Amino acid sequence: MSEASGTTGDRTDADIRISTGVSGLNEVLGGGLTPDRLYLLEGTPGTGKTTLALQFLLEGAARNERSLYVTLSETADELRAAAASHGWSLDEIDIYELVNEIGLDPDSEQSILHPSEIELGETVREVIARVESVKPDRVVFDSLSELRLLAQSPLRYRRQILALKQFFSKRSCTVLMLDDRTSEAGDPQLHSIAHGVISLDQTPREFGSERRRLRIIKMRGIRFRGGYHDFVVETGGIEIFPRLIAADHHTTFDAKAQSTGSTELDLLLGGGLVPGTNTLLLGPSGVGKTTTALRCMLAALDRGETATYYLFDEGLHTLLTRAASLGMDVRPHIEAGRLTFKQIDPAELSPGEFAAIVREAVEARGSTFIAVDSLNAYLHAMPGEEYLVLQMHELLSYLNQSGVTTLLVLGQHGVVGEMRTDVDLSYLSDCILLFRFFESRAEIRTALSVVKSRVNAHERTIRELRLSNDGLRVGEALDDFEGLLTGLPAYRGRVAMLSDPDAPGTEA
């Protein structure tokens, strides 16, 4: 958190705020903007400055405030077309177009395309006259790049911005000045003058959509949430996903262990899964991690809980069909509204957006059981491994403090022998279920063990796991085997293996 303090007369700036009209930005700002101040909105072309500015003015119009858009870089028709693409009408906003056909006439006395001292003065006087006429409550000035060209020198440019700031302040205007960073990045002249600075940027990726982020560089007099906040520009405007801070979320809940639906798995876990904890299901592809997660989730649904399953890898139809074939049909719970599947495309997802989706599931839909399948795909949606760990730390802390039972599926590379993962999340996990393939009697089997639990006195044994038409089956401890976790065990006794009850000539 960043914090500042300031006063206006007998009241603090934080006592009164105005809404920005942008989803999530008010939360980042701790309530909105301080009125009657000048703010800088900066970002390279295409980051969403105009869209955010239009939302700011439309919010004012919805509150019966007068709004003025002064444009030096776009025509009024271009602005209306941009607004129409979002389904907006600008009829309630006064658009003042400084660049017009007269301004483009080389014989005209007011040609702002030829910077000079006269033209700078006349441009500013036109803006002042329009403001005096409209008497707006909110103003957008787009953009400062043209004003910088007209000023020709940093000194004249700074003096002109200061003069405009003073002028707007005396007329109770809240002003957004847009800058496209055509000069140096992070112009110190503008930053020192503006009451607040909001920065937008976008980062292209080699595959998938670009990553857009917002950061509050400066905001006098109010407490705001620092750091980068992911956002998207979609039909309907900008949506910002405030950076998740787990310490801001605490809920009281019952931390009594709940059954997984399998008596043997409950014994292995030391009683079952505990609300407010997260469990990592770790093992190679095809070993049974997703099926185990579904079995645990189905038990929670049968108890009347609400669950959300985030599916990154497998198709939803394939998963539902496979679950039904294993005796775990979850469609009735989907129809009843207790279970929600979210198919996630990691190439189109930002980490902030995913955190916002999870928060919505917990806070709006009341989900008490969350499954993420798998973290491998989520990792590839991140710019780097260190960011994944930090993101997951905050997200898991939030879920734990909200009393949610969380299952995380993480695939390992390899089939038998040495295994490796894309990222080590073991220290973030409250419990780790380890899955391994092993060979016995010319058959590939699955071993299951709990290698870590922070909340239960769990078994240290290794049990066999088998999937059948009856669902998930967990056998007795394989104490007659050695080297199970290597994939090439040595058989030392007569422990009976779990058999497929549907296979000919076998016993359950």
Foldseek 3Di string as FASTA:
>chain_A
DDFAADPDPPGTQVVDADALQAAPVCQQQVHHARFLFEEEEEAAPPLAPLLSLVSSQVSCVVVVFAEEEEAADDDPVVSQVVQVQLPDGCPRYHYHYPDDPLLCPPPHPAPLVDADPVNLVVVVVVVLVVCVVRLGQEYEYHECVSSCVNQVDPVSSLVSVLVVRVSSSVSRHYYYYYDNCPDPPPPPSVVVRGQWYKYKYWADDPFFHIWIWIATPHHHRGDGNGDIWTWDQDRNGIHTQDQFALVVDFDDDDFAADALQAPVVCQQQFHHFTFLFEEEEEEAPPQCQVLSLLSSVLSCVVVVAAEEEEAEPDDPVVVQVVCVQLVRHCVVCVVVVRYYYHYDHLSHDDLSVVLVVVCCCCPVVVHQEYEYPAVQSNCVSDPDQVVSQVSVLSSSSNRSSSRHYYYYYFHWPDAAADTDGPHDCPVSHQWYKYKHWADDPNDIWIKIHIPHHNPHPGDGFIWTWDTASNGIDTGDGQPQWPPVRRRYIDGRDDDDDDDHCPDPPDDD
